[in-house]
Amino acid sequence: METLRFNGFAMIHKALRAMLYDTAAHMQHVNFADVSSMLPVLAKAERVLELFDDHADHEDHHILANITDVNPGLARSFEQEHITDRKLGAALRDRIAEYKEAKTPTERIIAGNSVFYAFNEFIAFNLQHMNKEETALNETLWAKYTDGDIGAINQKIAGSVPPDKAVVNFTWMMRSCNDTEITTFLKAISGGAPEPLVNMVMNIAETELHADRWAGIRAALNEPIPS
């Protein structure tokens, strides 16, 4: 009988996917010739790139380092994919810089199309990459570590994230995950995290979730729902 194991990538990957989808949708709605409308989209894309760079760094230091002795070939393959990911990110940053240098509406449309295509390449690569992490990489982690071990690795990663970026991550997790995932996550946070962190995450959840969802989650956490 197959056992359901802990997927330490699940929630952060849902958050990252949602950020990609949100930015892509915003980019598709903008007239590239209109610089005032395009600049906020570019800022979103730059923020996404920054968060993906951080995510790859965390995986290199906290995840891949823990499987090198078990499956060095797999570790190297993911390290190489992170290099590819950073190259795609650098190409996208170059296209963004070119857009900012464009002077005429025609130049902006041409540069905007280049940004759009580069962002689509970044999306396509990362969607496949995250799927591979949740399948091939997880299989190796599950063979070596208990769910508790993997949870401890996740906690180390979470503890290394600066507060401003943690707020972004938690916000998109709440926007992207289902009630069971959020409830399990909040229970884990409540059970061992410092009180300021618990309060911050609870406030984000209450702000981001529909009132009905939040009421159900709070009930599942065995906490009274405020009147």
N, C-alpha and C. Protein backbone atom coordinates (compact mmCIF):
# COMPACT_ATOMS: atom_id res chain seq x y z
N MET A 1 0.85 -1.20 0.00
CA MET A 1 0.00 0.00 0.00
C MET A 1 0.88 1.25 0.00
N GLU A 2 0.60 2.15 -0.91
CA GLU A 2 1.42 3.35 -1.04
C GLU A 2 1.17 4.29 0.14
N THR A 3 2.26 4.84 0.66
CA THR A 3 2.19 5.77 1.79
C THR A 3 2.30 7.20 1.28
N LEU A 4 1.44 8.06 1.79
CA LEU A 4 1.50 9.47 1.42
C LEU A 4 2.59 10.14 2.23
N ARG A 5 3.58 10.71 1.55
CA ARG A 5 4.70 11.33 2.23
C ARG A 5 4.60 12.85 2.19
N PHE A 6 5.38 13.48 3.06
CA PHE A 6 5.39 14.95 3.16
C PHE A 6 6.13 15.55 1.97
N ASN A 7 5.46 16.45 1.28
CA ASN A 7 6.04 17.15 0.13
C ASN A 7 6.46 18.54 0.60
N GLY A 8 7.74 18.68 0.91
CA GLY A 8 8.23 19.96 1.43
C GLY A 8 8.23 21.08 0.41
N PHE A 9 8.09 20.74 -0.86
CA PHE A 9 8.07 21.76 -1.91
C PHE A 9 6.66 22.30 -2.18
N ALA A 10 5.64 21.59 -1.73
CA ALA A 10 4.28 21.81 -2.23
C ALA A 10 3.81 23.26 -2.11
N MET A 11 3.85 23.81 -0.91
CA MET A 11 3.25 25.12 -0.70
C MET A 11 4.06 26.24 -1.33
N ILE A 12 5.38 26.20 -1.18
CA ILE A 12 6.17 27.28 -1.77
C ILE A 12 6.13 27.21 -3.29
N HIS A 13 6.07 26.01 -3.84
CA HIS A 13 5.96 25.90 -5.29
C HIS A 13 4.61 26.41 -5.79
N LYS A 14 3.54 26.13 -5.06
CA LYS A 14 2.24 26.70 -5.45
C LYS A 14 2.30 28.23 -5.43
N ALA A 15 2.95 28.78 -4.41
CA ALA A 15 3.09 30.23 -4.32
C ALA A 15 3.90 30.78 -5.50
N LEU A 16 5.01 30.13 -5.82
CA LEU A 16 5.84 30.59 -6.92
C LEU A 16 5.12 30.46 -8.27
N ARG A 17 4.40 29.36 -8.46
CA ARG A 17 3.63 29.21 -9.71
C ARG A 17 2.59 30.33 -9.82
N ALA A 18 1.91 30.61 -8.73
CA ALA A 18 0.88 31.66 -8.77
C ALA A 18 1.48 33.01 -9.09
N MET A 19 2.68 33.30 -8.58
CA MET A 19 3.35 34.56 -8.91
C MET A 19 3.67 34.63 -10.40
N LEU A 20 4.12 33.49 -10.95
CA LEU A 20 4.39 33.45 -12.39
C LEU A 20 3.12 33.71 -13.19
N TYR A 21 2.03 33.01 -12.82
CA TYR A 21 0.77 33.15 -13.56
C TYR A 21 0.23 34.59 -13.46
N ASP A 22 0.31 35.15 -12.26
CA ASP A 22 -0.21 36.50 -12.04
C ASP A 22 0.56 37.52 -12.88
N THR A 23 1.88 37.39 -12.87
CA THR A 23 2.70 38.33 -13.64
C THR A 23 2.48 38.15 -15.13
N ALA A 24 2.36 36.90 -15.57
CA ALA A 24 2.12 36.64 -17.00
C ALA A 24 0.79 37.22 -17.45
N ALA A 25 -0.24 37.04 -16.64
CA ALA A 25 -1.55 37.59 -17.00
C ALA A 25 -1.51 39.11 -17.07
N HIS A 26 -0.85 39.73 -16.10
CA HIS A 26 -0.72 41.19 -16.09
C HIS A 26 0.03 41.65 -17.34
N MET A 27 1.10 40.92 -17.70
CA MET A 27 1.90 41.30 -18.87
C MET A 27 1.09 41.20 -20.15
N GLN A 28 0.21 40.22 -20.23
CA GLN A 28 -0.60 40.04 -21.44
C GLN A 28 -1.67 41.13 -21.61
N HIS A 29 -2.02 41.79 -20.51
CA HIS A 29 -3.07 42.81 -20.57
C HIS A 29 -2.54 44.20 -20.90
N VAL A 30 -1.22 44.36 -20.87
CA VAL A 30 -0.63 45.69 -20.98
C VAL A 30 -0.28 46.03 -22.42
N ASN A 31 -0.50 47.29 -22.77
CA ASN A 31 -0.03 47.83 -24.03
C ASN A 31 1.44 48.19 -23.86
N PHE A 32 2.33 47.46 -24.53
CA PHE A 32 3.76 47.67 -24.34
C PHE A 32 4.21 49.08 -24.69
N ALA A 33 3.46 49.75 -25.53
CA ALA A 33 3.83 51.12 -25.90
C ALA A 33 3.62 52.10 -24.75
N ASP A 34 2.78 51.73 -23.79
CA ASP A 34 2.45 52.61 -22.66
C ASP A 34 3.41 52.33 -21.51
N VAL A 35 4.44 53.13 -21.40
CA VAL A 35 5.48 52.88 -20.41
C VAL A 35 4.96 52.96 -18.99
N SER A 36 4.00 53.85 -18.72
CA SER A 36 3.47 53.99 -17.37
C SER A 36 2.73 52.74 -16.91
N SER A 37 2.13 52.02 -17.85
CA SER A 37 1.45 50.77 -17.52
C SER A 37 2.43 49.59 -17.46
N MET A 38 3.48 49.66 -18.26
CA MET A 38 4.42 48.56 -18.36
C MET A 38 5.38 48.49 -17.16
N LEU A 39 5.76 49.63 -16.62
CA LEU A 39 6.77 49.63 -15.56
C LEU A 39 6.33 48.82 -14.32
N PRO A 40 5.06 48.90 -13.88
CA PRO A 40 4.66 48.05 -12.75
C PRO A 40 4.75 46.56 -13.07
N VAL A 41 4.50 46.18 -14.32
CA VAL A 41 4.63 44.78 -14.71
C VAL A 41 6.09 44.35 -14.66
N LEU A 42 6.96 45.22 -15.12
CA LEU A 42 8.39 44.90 -15.08
C LEU A 42 8.87 44.76 -13.63
N ALA A 43 8.34 45.60 -12.75
CA ALA A 43 8.70 45.50 -11.34
C ALA A 43 8.25 44.16 -10.76
N LYS A 44 7.06 43.70 -11.17
CA LYS A 44 6.59 42.38 -10.75
C LYS A 44 7.52 41.29 -11.24
N ALA A 45 7.91 41.37 -12.50
CA ALA A 45 8.79 40.36 -13.07
C ALA A 45 10.14 40.34 -12.35
N GLU A 46 10.66 41.52 -12.04
CA GLU A 46 11.94 41.60 -11.33
C GLU A 46 11.83 41.01 -9.93
N ARG A 47 10.70 41.23 -9.29
CA ARG A 47 10.48 40.65 -7.96
C ARG A 47 10.41 39.12 -8.05
N VAL A 48 9.74 38.62 -9.07
CA VAL A 48 9.66 37.17 -9.26
C VAL A 48 11.05 36.59 -9.48
N LEU A 49 11.86 37.25 -10.29
CA LEU A 49 13.22 36.77 -10.53
C LEU A 49 14.03 36.71 -9.24
N GLU A 50 13.89 37.73 -8.43
CA GLU A 50 14.61 37.76 -7.16
C GLU A 50 14.20 36.60 -6.26
N LEU A 51 12.90 36.34 -6.18
CA LEU A 51 12.41 35.26 -5.33
C LEU A 51 12.82 33.89 -5.85
N PHE A 52 12.84 33.72 -7.18
CA PHE A 52 13.28 32.45 -7.74
C PHE A 52 14.78 32.24 -7.53
N ASP A 53 15.57 33.31 -7.61
CA ASP A 53 17.00 33.19 -7.31
C ASP A 53 17.20 32.74 -5.86
N ASP A 54 16.46 33.35 -4.95
CA ASP A 54 16.55 32.97 -3.54
C ASP A 54 16.15 31.51 -3.35
N HIS A 55 15.08 31.11 -4.01
CA HIS A 55 14.58 29.74 -3.88
C HIS A 55 15.63 28.74 -4.35
N ALA A 56 16.28 29.02 -5.47
CA ALA A 56 17.33 28.13 -5.97
C ALA A 56 18.50 28.07 -5.00
N ASP A 57 18.87 29.21 -4.42
CA ASP A 57 19.96 29.23 -3.44
C ASP A 57 19.62 28.35 -2.23
N HIS A 58 18.38 28.48 -1.74
CA HIS A 58 17.96 27.66 -0.60
C HIS A 58 18.05 26.17 -0.94
N GLU A 59 17.61 25.82 -2.14
CA GLU A 59 17.64 24.41 -2.53
C GLU A 59 19.07 23.90 -2.67
N ASP A 60 19.95 24.73 -3.23
CA ASP A 60 21.36 24.33 -3.37
C ASP A 60 21.97 24.04 -2.00
N HIS A 61 21.72 24.93 -1.05
CA HIS A 61 22.39 24.84 0.25
C HIS A 61 21.71 23.87 1.21
N HIS A 62 20.40 23.75 1.15
CA HIS A 62 19.68 22.97 2.16
C HIS A 62 19.11 21.65 1.64
N ILE A 63 18.85 21.56 0.34
CA ILE A 63 18.24 20.34 -0.21
C ILE A 63 19.28 19.50 -0.94
N LEU A 64 19.88 20.06 -1.98
CA LEU A 64 20.81 19.28 -2.79
C LEU A 64 22.03 18.83 -1.99
N ALA A 65 22.47 19.65 -1.06
CA ALA A 65 23.61 19.27 -0.22
C ALA A 65 23.31 18.03 0.61
N ASN A 66 22.03 17.76 0.84
CA ASN A 66 21.63 16.62 1.66
C ASN A 66 21.37 15.35 0.86
N ILE A 67 21.50 15.41 -0.47
CA ILE A 67 21.32 14.20 -1.27
C ILE A 67 22.56 13.83 -2.07
N THR A 68 23.59 14.66 -1.97
CA THR A 68 24.79 14.44 -2.78
C THR A 68 25.40 13.07 -2.52
N ASP A 69 25.41 12.65 -1.25
CA ASP A 69 26.03 11.36 -0.93
C ASP A 69 25.16 10.18 -1.39
N VAL A 70 23.87 10.40 -1.50
CA VAL A 70 22.95 9.32 -1.90
C VAL A 70 22.82 9.21 -3.41
N ASN A 71 22.67 10.34 -4.07
CA ASN A 71 22.48 10.35 -5.53
C ASN A 71 23.21 11.55 -6.12
N PRO A 72 24.55 11.46 -6.22
CA PRO A 72 25.32 12.61 -6.69
C PRO A 72 24.94 13.04 -8.11
N GLY A 73 24.57 12.09 -8.96
CA GLY A 73 24.18 12.45 -10.32
C GLY A 73 22.94 13.32 -10.35
N LEU A 74 21.96 12.96 -9.53
CA LEU A 74 20.73 13.75 -9.47
C LEU A 74 21.01 15.13 -8.91
N ALA A 75 21.83 15.19 -7.87
CA ALA A 75 22.18 16.49 -7.29
C ALA A 75 22.85 17.38 -8.33
N ARG A 76 23.77 16.82 -9.10
CA ARG A 76 24.46 17.61 -10.13
C ARG A 76 23.48 18.08 -11.21
N SER A 77 22.53 17.22 -11.56
CA SER A 77 21.58 17.60 -12.61
C SER A 77 20.72 18.77 -12.17
N PHE A 78 20.32 18.79 -10.90
CA PHE A 78 19.52 19.91 -10.41
C PHE A 78 20.37 21.17 -10.23
N GLU A 79 21.61 20.99 -9.84
CA GLU A 79 22.51 22.15 -9.77
C GLU A 79 22.67 22.77 -11.15
N GLN A 80 22.79 21.93 -12.17
CA GLN A 80 22.92 22.43 -13.54
C GLN A 80 21.64 23.14 -13.97
N GLU A 81 20.49 22.60 -13.58
CA GLU A 81 19.23 23.27 -13.93
C GLU A 81 19.12 24.63 -13.25
N HIS A 82 19.65 24.74 -12.05
CA HIS A 82 19.64 26.05 -11.38
C HIS A 82 20.54 27.04 -12.13
N ILE A 83 21.64 26.55 -12.70
CA ILE A 83 22.48 27.42 -13.52
C ILE A 83 21.71 27.89 -14.75
N THR A 84 21.01 26.96 -15.40
CA THR A 84 20.18 27.31 -16.56
C THR A 84 19.12 28.32 -16.17
N ASP A 85 18.50 28.11 -15.02
CA ASP A 85 17.46 29.01 -14.53
C ASP A 85 18.01 30.42 -14.36
N ARG A 86 19.21 30.52 -13.79
CA ARG A 86 19.80 31.85 -13.58
C ARG A 86 20.17 32.50 -14.92
N LYS A 87 20.57 31.71 -15.90
CA LYS A 87 20.86 32.27 -17.22
C LYS A 87 19.59 32.81 -17.86
N LEU A 88 18.49 32.08 -17.73
CA LEU A 88 17.21 32.57 -18.25
C LEU A 88 16.79 33.84 -17.53
N GLY A 89 17.02 33.88 -16.22
CA GLY A 89 16.71 35.09 -15.46
C GLY A 89 17.56 36.26 -15.89
N ALA A 90 18.85 36.01 -16.14
CA ALA A 90 19.73 37.09 -16.59
C ALA A 90 19.30 37.61 -17.96
N ALA A 91 18.89 36.71 -18.85
CA ALA A 91 18.41 37.12 -20.17
C ALA A 91 17.16 37.98 -20.04
N LEU A 92 16.27 37.59 -19.13
CA LEU A 92 15.05 38.38 -18.92
C LEU A 92 15.39 39.75 -18.36
N ARG A 93 16.33 39.81 -17.43
CA ARG A 93 16.74 41.12 -16.89
C ARG A 93 17.32 42.00 -18.00
N ASP A 94 18.07 41.41 -18.92
CA ASP A 94 18.62 42.19 -20.04
C ASP A 94 17.49 42.75 -20.90
N ARG A 95 16.47 41.93 -21.16
CA ARG A 95 15.35 42.40 -21.98
C ARG A 95 14.59 43.53 -21.26
N ILE A 96 14.46 43.39 -19.94
CA ILE A 96 13.80 44.45 -19.16
C ILE A 96 14.59 45.75 -19.25
N ALA A 97 15.93 45.64 -19.14
CA ALA A 97 16.77 46.84 -19.25
C ALA A 97 16.63 47.49 -20.62
N GLU A 98 16.54 46.66 -21.66
CA GLU A 98 16.35 47.20 -23.01
C GLU A 98 15.03 47.94 -23.13
N TYR A 99 13.98 47.39 -22.51
CA TYR A 99 12.69 48.08 -22.56
C TYR A 99 12.81 49.46 -21.89
N LYS A 100 13.47 49.52 -20.77
CA LYS A 100 13.59 50.79 -20.03
C LYS A 100 14.39 51.82 -20.81
N GLU A 101 15.23 51.37 -21.73
CA GLU A 101 16.01 52.28 -22.55
C GLU A 101 15.27 52.71 -23.82
N ALA A 102 14.18 52.03 -24.14
CA ALA A 102 13.44 52.35 -25.37
C ALA A 102 12.85 53.75 -25.29
N LYS A 103 12.85 54.45 -26.42
CA LYS A 103 12.44 55.86 -26.42
C LYS A 103 11.10 56.10 -27.12
N THR A 104 10.77 55.32 -28.11
CA THR A 104 9.56 55.57 -28.89
C THR A 104 8.55 54.44 -28.65
N PRO A 105 7.28 54.70 -28.95
CA PRO A 105 6.28 53.62 -28.81
C PRO A 105 6.65 52.36 -29.59
N THR A 106 7.17 52.53 -30.81
CA THR A 106 7.55 51.36 -31.61
C THR A 106 8.68 50.58 -30.93
N GLU A 107 9.67 51.31 -30.45
CA GLU A 107 10.79 50.64 -29.76
C GLU A 107 10.28 49.91 -28.51
N ARG A 108 9.32 50.51 -27.82
CA ARG A 108 8.79 49.89 -26.61
C ARG A 108 7.99 48.62 -26.94
N ILE A 109 7.24 48.65 -28.00
CA ILE A 109 6.49 47.45 -28.40
C ILE A 109 7.44 46.32 -28.74
N ILE A 110 8.49 46.63 -29.50
CA ILE A 110 9.47 45.60 -29.88
C ILE A 110 10.17 45.07 -28.62
N ALA A 111 10.60 45.97 -27.76
CA ALA A 111 11.28 45.55 -26.53
C ALA A 111 10.32 44.81 -25.60
N GLY A 112 9.06 45.25 -25.56
CA GLY A 112 8.07 44.59 -24.72
C GLY A 112 7.81 43.16 -25.16
N ASN A 113 7.77 42.95 -26.48
CA ASN A 113 7.61 41.58 -26.99
C ASN A 113 8.80 40.71 -26.58
N SER A 114 9.99 41.28 -26.59
CA SER A 114 11.17 40.52 -26.18
C SER A 114 11.09 40.14 -24.71
N VAL A 115 10.61 41.06 -23.88
CA VAL A 115 10.41 40.76 -22.46
C VAL A 115 9.39 39.64 -22.31
N PHE A 116 8.31 39.74 -23.05
CA PHE A 116 7.22 38.76 -22.98
C PHE A 116 7.72 37.36 -23.33
N TYR A 117 8.46 37.24 -24.41
CA TYR A 117 8.95 35.93 -24.83
C TYR A 117 9.98 35.39 -23.84
N ALA A 118 10.84 36.26 -23.34
CA ALA A 118 11.84 35.82 -22.36
C ALA A 118 11.17 35.36 -21.07
N PHE A 119 10.11 36.05 -20.67
CA PHE A 119 9.40 35.64 -19.46
C PHE A 119 8.69 34.31 -19.67
N ASN A 120 8.14 34.11 -20.86
CA ASN A 120 7.50 32.83 -21.16
C ASN A 120 8.50 31.67 -21.12
N GLU A 121 9.71 31.90 -21.61
CA GLU A 121 10.75 30.87 -21.52
C GLU A 121 11.09 30.57 -20.06
N PHE A 122 11.16 31.61 -19.25
CA PHE A 122 11.45 31.44 -17.83
C PHE A 122 10.34 30.64 -17.15
N ILE A 123 9.10 30.96 -17.48
CA ILE A 123 7.96 30.23 -16.92
C ILE A 123 8.01 28.76 -17.33
N ALA A 124 8.16 28.50 -18.62
CA ALA A 124 8.13 27.12 -19.12
C ALA A 124 9.20 26.28 -18.44
N PHE A 125 10.40 26.82 -18.34
CA PHE A 125 11.48 26.06 -17.71
C PHE A 125 11.17 25.78 -16.24
N ASN A 126 10.72 26.79 -15.53
CA ASN A 126 10.53 26.62 -14.09
C ASN A 126 9.34 25.73 -13.75
N LEU A 127 8.30 25.73 -14.57
CA LEU A 127 7.19 24.83 -14.32
C LEU A 127 7.65 23.38 -14.43
N GLN A 128 8.44 23.06 -15.43
CA GLN A 128 8.97 21.71 -15.57
C GLN A 128 9.95 21.39 -14.43
N HIS A 129 10.78 22.36 -14.10
CA HIS A 129 11.79 22.16 -13.05
C HIS A 129 11.12 21.86 -11.71
N MET A 130 10.08 22.61 -11.37
CA MET A 130 9.41 22.37 -10.09
C MET A 130 8.71 21.02 -10.07
N ASN A 131 8.13 20.62 -11.20
CA ASN A 131 7.53 19.28 -11.27
C ASN A 131 8.57 18.20 -10.99
N LYS A 132 9.75 18.34 -11.57
CA LYS A 132 10.82 17.35 -11.37
C LYS A 132 11.26 17.32 -9.91
N GLU A 133 11.27 18.47 -9.28
CA GLU A 133 11.65 18.50 -7.86
C GLU A 133 10.63 17.75 -7.00
N GLU A 134 9.36 17.89 -7.37
CA GLU A 134 8.31 17.25 -6.57
C GLU A 134 8.15 15.77 -6.90
N THR A 135 8.85 15.29 -7.91
CA THR A 135 8.80 13.86 -8.24
C THR A 135 10.17 13.23 -8.00
N ALA A 136 11.11 13.43 -8.91
CA ALA A 136 12.41 12.77 -8.82
C ALA A 136 13.18 13.15 -7.56
N LEU A 137 13.22 14.44 -7.25
CA LEU A 137 13.98 14.88 -6.08
C LEU A 137 13.32 14.41 -4.79
N ASN A 138 12.00 14.48 -4.74
CA ASN A 138 11.31 14.00 -3.55
C ASN A 138 11.54 12.51 -3.32
N GLU A 139 11.56 11.73 -4.38
CA GLU A 139 11.77 10.29 -4.22
C GLU A 139 13.10 10.01 -3.51
N THR A 140 14.13 10.77 -3.86
CA THR A 140 15.43 10.60 -3.22
C THR A 140 15.39 11.07 -1.77
N LEU A 141 14.74 12.18 -1.53
CA LEU A 141 14.61 12.68 -0.15
C LEU A 141 13.84 11.68 0.72
N TRP A 142 12.76 11.15 0.19
CA TRP A 142 11.92 10.21 0.96
C TRP A 142 12.66 8.91 1.26
N ALA A 143 13.56 8.51 0.36
CA ALA A 143 14.31 7.28 0.58
C ALA A 143 15.33 7.42 1.71
N LYS A 144 15.78 8.66 1.94
CA LYS A 144 16.84 8.87 2.94
C LYS A 144 16.30 9.44 4.24
N TYR A 145 15.28 10.28 4.17
CA TYR A 145 14.84 11.05 5.34
C TYR A 145 13.40 10.72 5.72
N THR A 146 13.12 10.89 7.00
CA THR A 146 11.74 10.82 7.48
C THR A 146 11.03 12.12 7.16
N ASP A 147 9.71 12.11 7.28
CA ASP A 147 8.96 13.36 7.08
C ASP A 147 9.39 14.41 8.09
N GLY A 148 9.69 13.97 9.32
CA GLY A 148 10.16 14.92 10.33
C GLY A 148 11.49 15.55 9.95
N ASP A 149 12.39 14.75 9.36
CA ASP A 149 13.67 15.28 8.90
C ASP A 149 13.47 16.34 7.81
N ILE A 150 12.57 16.03 6.88
CA ILE A 150 12.32 16.96 5.78
C ILE A 150 11.67 18.24 6.31
N GLY A 151 10.77 18.07 7.28
CA GLY A 151 10.16 19.24 7.90
C GLY A 151 11.20 20.11 8.58
N ALA A 152 12.20 19.48 9.22
CA ALA A 152 13.26 20.24 9.88
C ALA A 152 14.10 21.01 8.87
N ILE A 153 14.34 20.41 7.71
CA ILE A 153 15.07 21.11 6.64
C ILE A 153 14.26 22.33 6.19
N ASN A 154 12.96 22.15 6.03
CA ASN A 154 12.09 23.27 5.63
C ASN A 154 12.14 24.39 6.66
N GLN A 155 12.18 24.04 7.94
CA GLN A 155 12.23 25.05 8.98
C GLN A 155 13.54 25.84 8.92
N LYS A 156 14.64 25.16 8.60
CA LYS A 156 15.92 25.86 8.45
C LYS A 156 15.84 26.86 7.29
N ILE A 157 15.23 26.42 6.20
CA ILE A 157 15.08 27.31 5.06
C ILE A 157 14.23 28.52 5.44
N ALA A 158 13.09 28.25 6.09
CA ALA A 158 12.18 29.34 6.49
C ALA A 158 12.88 30.33 7.41
N GLY A 159 13.73 29.81 8.30
CA GLY A 159 14.43 30.68 9.23
C GLY A 159 15.48 31.55 8.59
N SER A 160 15.90 31.20 7.37
CA SER A 160 16.93 31.97 6.67
C SER A 160 16.35 33.04 5.75
N VAL A 161 15.02 33.08 5.62
CA VAL A 161 14.37 34.05 4.72
C VAL A 161 14.17 35.37 5.45
N PRO A 162 14.63 36.50 4.88
CA PRO A 162 14.42 37.80 5.51
C PRO A 162 12.93 38.09 5.69
N PRO A 163 12.56 38.85 6.72
CA PRO A 163 11.13 39.09 7.02
C PRO A 163 10.33 39.64 5.85
N ASP A 164 10.90 40.58 5.08
CA ASP A 164 10.13 41.18 3.99
C ASP A 164 9.79 40.15 2.91
N LYS A 165 10.73 39.25 2.66
CA LYS A 165 10.47 38.21 1.66
C LYS A 165 9.58 37.12 2.23
N ALA A 166 9.70 36.87 3.53
CA ALA A 166 8.81 35.89 4.16
C ALA A 166 7.36 36.33 4.03
N VAL A 167 7.10 37.62 4.20
CA VAL A 167 5.74 38.13 4.06
C VAL A 167 5.20 37.85 2.65
N VAL A 168 6.04 38.08 1.64
CA VAL A 168 5.62 37.80 0.26
C VAL A 168 5.32 36.32 0.08
N ASN A 169 6.22 35.46 0.58
CA ASN A 169 6.02 34.02 0.43
C ASN A 169 4.73 33.56 1.10
N PHE A 170 4.52 33.99 2.35
CA PHE A 170 3.33 33.58 3.09
C PHE A 170 2.06 34.10 2.43
N THR A 171 2.12 35.33 1.92
CA THR A 171 0.95 35.92 1.27
C THR A 171 0.54 35.08 0.06
N TRP A 172 1.50 34.71 -0.77
CA TRP A 172 1.18 33.93 -1.96
C TRP A 172 0.83 32.49 -1.63
N MET A 173 1.36 31.97 -0.53
CA MET A 173 0.93 30.64 -0.09
C MET A 173 -0.56 30.65 0.24
N MET A 174 -1.00 31.67 0.96
CA MET A 174 -2.41 31.76 1.32
C MET A 174 -3.30 31.94 0.09
N ARG A 175 -2.79 32.63 -0.90
CA ARG A 175 -3.56 32.85 -2.13
C ARG A 175 -3.62 31.60 -3.01
N SER A 176 -2.68 30.67 -2.78
CA SER A 176 -2.46 29.60 -3.75
C SER A 176 -2.79 28.20 -3.26
N CYS A 177 -2.91 28.00 -1.94
CA CYS A 177 -3.02 26.65 -1.39
C CYS A 177 -4.44 26.33 -0.94
N ASN A 178 -4.72 25.04 -0.78
CA ASN A 178 -6.05 24.64 -0.35
C ASN A 178 -6.17 24.68 1.17
N ASP A 179 -7.39 24.51 1.67
CA ASP A 179 -7.64 24.66 3.10
C ASP A 179 -6.88 23.65 3.95
N THR A 180 -6.79 22.42 3.47
CA THR A 180 -6.06 21.39 4.22
C THR A 180 -4.59 21.74 4.35
N GLU A 181 -3.99 22.17 3.25
CA GLU A 181 -2.58 22.57 3.28
C GLU A 181 -2.37 23.73 4.23
N ILE A 182 -3.24 24.72 4.17
CA ILE A 182 -3.09 25.90 5.03
C ILE A 182 -3.28 25.53 6.48
N THR A 183 -4.28 24.71 6.77
CA THR A 183 -4.53 24.30 8.15
C THR A 183 -3.33 23.55 8.72
N THR A 184 -2.81 22.60 7.97
CA THR A 184 -1.64 21.83 8.42
C THR A 184 -0.45 22.74 8.65
N PHE A 185 -0.26 23.68 7.74
CA PHE A 185 0.85 24.62 7.86
C PHE A 185 0.70 25.50 9.09
N LEU A 186 -0.50 26.03 9.32
CA LEU A 186 -0.71 26.90 10.47
C LEU A 186 -0.56 26.15 11.79
N LYS A 187 -0.98 24.89 11.81
CA LYS A 187 -0.80 24.08 13.01
C LYS A 187 0.68 23.89 13.31
N ALA A 188 1.46 23.63 12.26
CA ALA A 188 2.91 23.43 12.44
C ALA A 188 3.57 24.71 12.92
N ILE A 189 3.18 25.85 12.33
CA ILE A 189 3.74 27.13 12.75
C ILE A 189 3.37 27.43 14.20
N SER A 190 2.11 27.21 14.53
CA SER A 190 1.63 27.51 15.88
C SER A 190 2.31 26.64 16.93
N GLY A 191 2.71 25.44 16.51
CA GLY A 191 3.28 24.50 17.47
C GLY A 191 4.72 24.74 17.84
N GLY A 192 5.45 25.57 17.07
CA GLY A 192 6.86 25.70 17.41
C GLY A 192 7.53 27.01 17.02
N ALA A 193 6.85 27.85 16.27
CA ALA A 193 7.47 29.10 15.83
C ALA A 193 7.34 30.18 16.89
N PRO A 194 8.22 31.19 16.87
CA PRO A 194 8.10 32.33 17.80
C PRO A 194 6.76 33.03 17.63
N GLU A 195 6.26 33.58 18.71
CA GLU A 195 4.93 34.21 18.69
C GLU A 195 4.79 35.30 17.65
N PRO A 196 5.79 36.19 17.46
CA PRO A 196 5.64 37.23 16.42
C PRO A 196 5.43 36.64 15.03
N LEU A 197 6.13 35.53 14.74
CA LEU A 197 5.96 34.89 13.44
C LEU A 197 4.58 34.28 13.32
N VAL A 198 4.13 33.62 14.37
CA VAL A 198 2.79 33.03 14.37
C VAL A 198 1.75 34.11 14.11
N ASN A 199 1.85 35.23 14.82
CA ASN A 199 0.88 36.32 14.67
C ASN A 199 0.91 36.88 13.25
N MET A 200 2.11 37.03 12.70
CA MET A 200 2.24 37.56 11.35
C MET A 200 1.55 36.65 10.34
N VAL A 201 1.81 35.34 10.43
CA VAL A 201 1.23 34.40 9.48
C VAL A 201 -0.29 34.35 9.64
N MET A 202 -0.77 34.35 10.88
CA MET A 202 -2.21 34.33 11.11
C MET A 202 -2.88 35.58 10.54
N ASN A 203 -2.24 36.72 10.69
CA ASN A 203 -2.80 37.97 10.16
C ASN A 203 -2.84 37.94 8.63
N ILE A 204 -1.79 37.39 8.02
CA ILE A 204 -1.78 37.27 6.56
C ILE A 204 -2.91 36.35 6.10
N ALA A 205 -3.06 35.21 6.79
CA ALA A 205 -4.12 34.27 6.43
C ALA A 205 -5.49 34.92 6.53
N GLU A 206 -5.73 35.64 7.61
CA GLU A 206 -7.04 36.29 7.79
C GLU A 206 -7.29 37.34 6.72
N THR A 207 -6.23 38.05 6.31
CA THR A 207 -6.36 39.10 5.30
C THR A 207 -6.60 38.52 3.91
N GLU A 208 -5.90 37.45 3.59
CA GLU A 208 -5.91 36.92 2.23
C GLU A 208 -7.08 35.97 1.95
N LEU A 209 -7.54 35.26 2.96
CA LEU A 209 -8.56 34.24 2.74
C LEU A 209 -9.96 34.82 2.83
N HIS A 210 -10.87 34.28 2.04
CA HIS A 210 -12.28 34.65 2.16
C HIS A 210 -12.75 34.32 3.56
N ALA A 211 -13.68 35.13 4.08
CA ALA A 211 -14.14 34.97 5.46
C ALA A 211 -14.63 33.56 5.77
N ASP A 212 -15.34 32.94 4.83
CA ASP A 212 -15.84 31.59 5.06
C ASP A 212 -14.70 30.58 5.17
N ARG A 213 -13.71 30.73 4.31
CA ARG A 213 -12.56 29.83 4.38
C ARG A 213 -11.80 30.02 5.70
N TRP A 214 -11.60 31.27 6.07
CA TRP A 214 -10.86 31.55 7.29
C TRP A 214 -11.60 31.02 8.51
N ALA A 215 -12.90 31.15 8.52
CA ALA A 215 -13.69 30.63 9.64
C ALA A 215 -13.53 29.11 9.76
N GLY A 216 -13.58 28.43 8.62
CA GLY A 216 -13.42 26.97 8.64
C GLY A 216 -12.03 26.55 9.10
N ILE A 217 -11.03 27.27 8.66
CA ILE A 217 -9.66 26.95 9.06
C ILE A 217 -9.45 27.21 10.54
N ARG A 218 -9.99 28.31 11.02
CA ARG A 218 -9.85 28.61 12.45
C ARG A 218 -10.55 27.56 13.30
N ALA A 219 -11.69 27.09 12.82
CA ALA A 219 -12.39 26.03 13.54
C ALA A 219 -11.54 24.76 13.57
N ALA A 220 -10.89 24.46 12.44
CA ALA A 220 -10.04 23.28 12.37
C ALA A 220 -8.82 23.42 13.26
N LEU A 221 -8.41 24.63 13.54
CA LEU A 221 -7.28 24.86 14.43
C LEU A 221 -7.69 24.85 15.90
N ASN A 222 -9.00 24.60 16.13
CA ASN A 222 -9.55 24.57 17.50
C ASN A 222 -9.39 25.90 18.22
N GLU A 223 -9.52 26.98 17.42
CA GLU A 223 -9.47 28.30 18.01
C GLU A 223 -10.85 28.94 17.88
N PRO A 224 -11.28 29.72 18.84
CA PRO A 224 -12.59 30.38 18.72
C PRO A 224 -12.58 31.41 17.61
N ILE A 225 -13.67 31.46 16.91
CA ILE A 225 -13.80 32.45 15.84
C ILE A 225 -14.32 33.75 16.44
N PRO A 226 -13.61 34.87 16.25
CA PRO A 226 -14.05 36.14 16.84
C PRO A 226 -15.44 36.53 16.36
N SER A 227 -16.23 37.09 17.25
CA SER A 227 -17.59 37.53 16.88
C SER A 227 -17.53 38.89 16.22
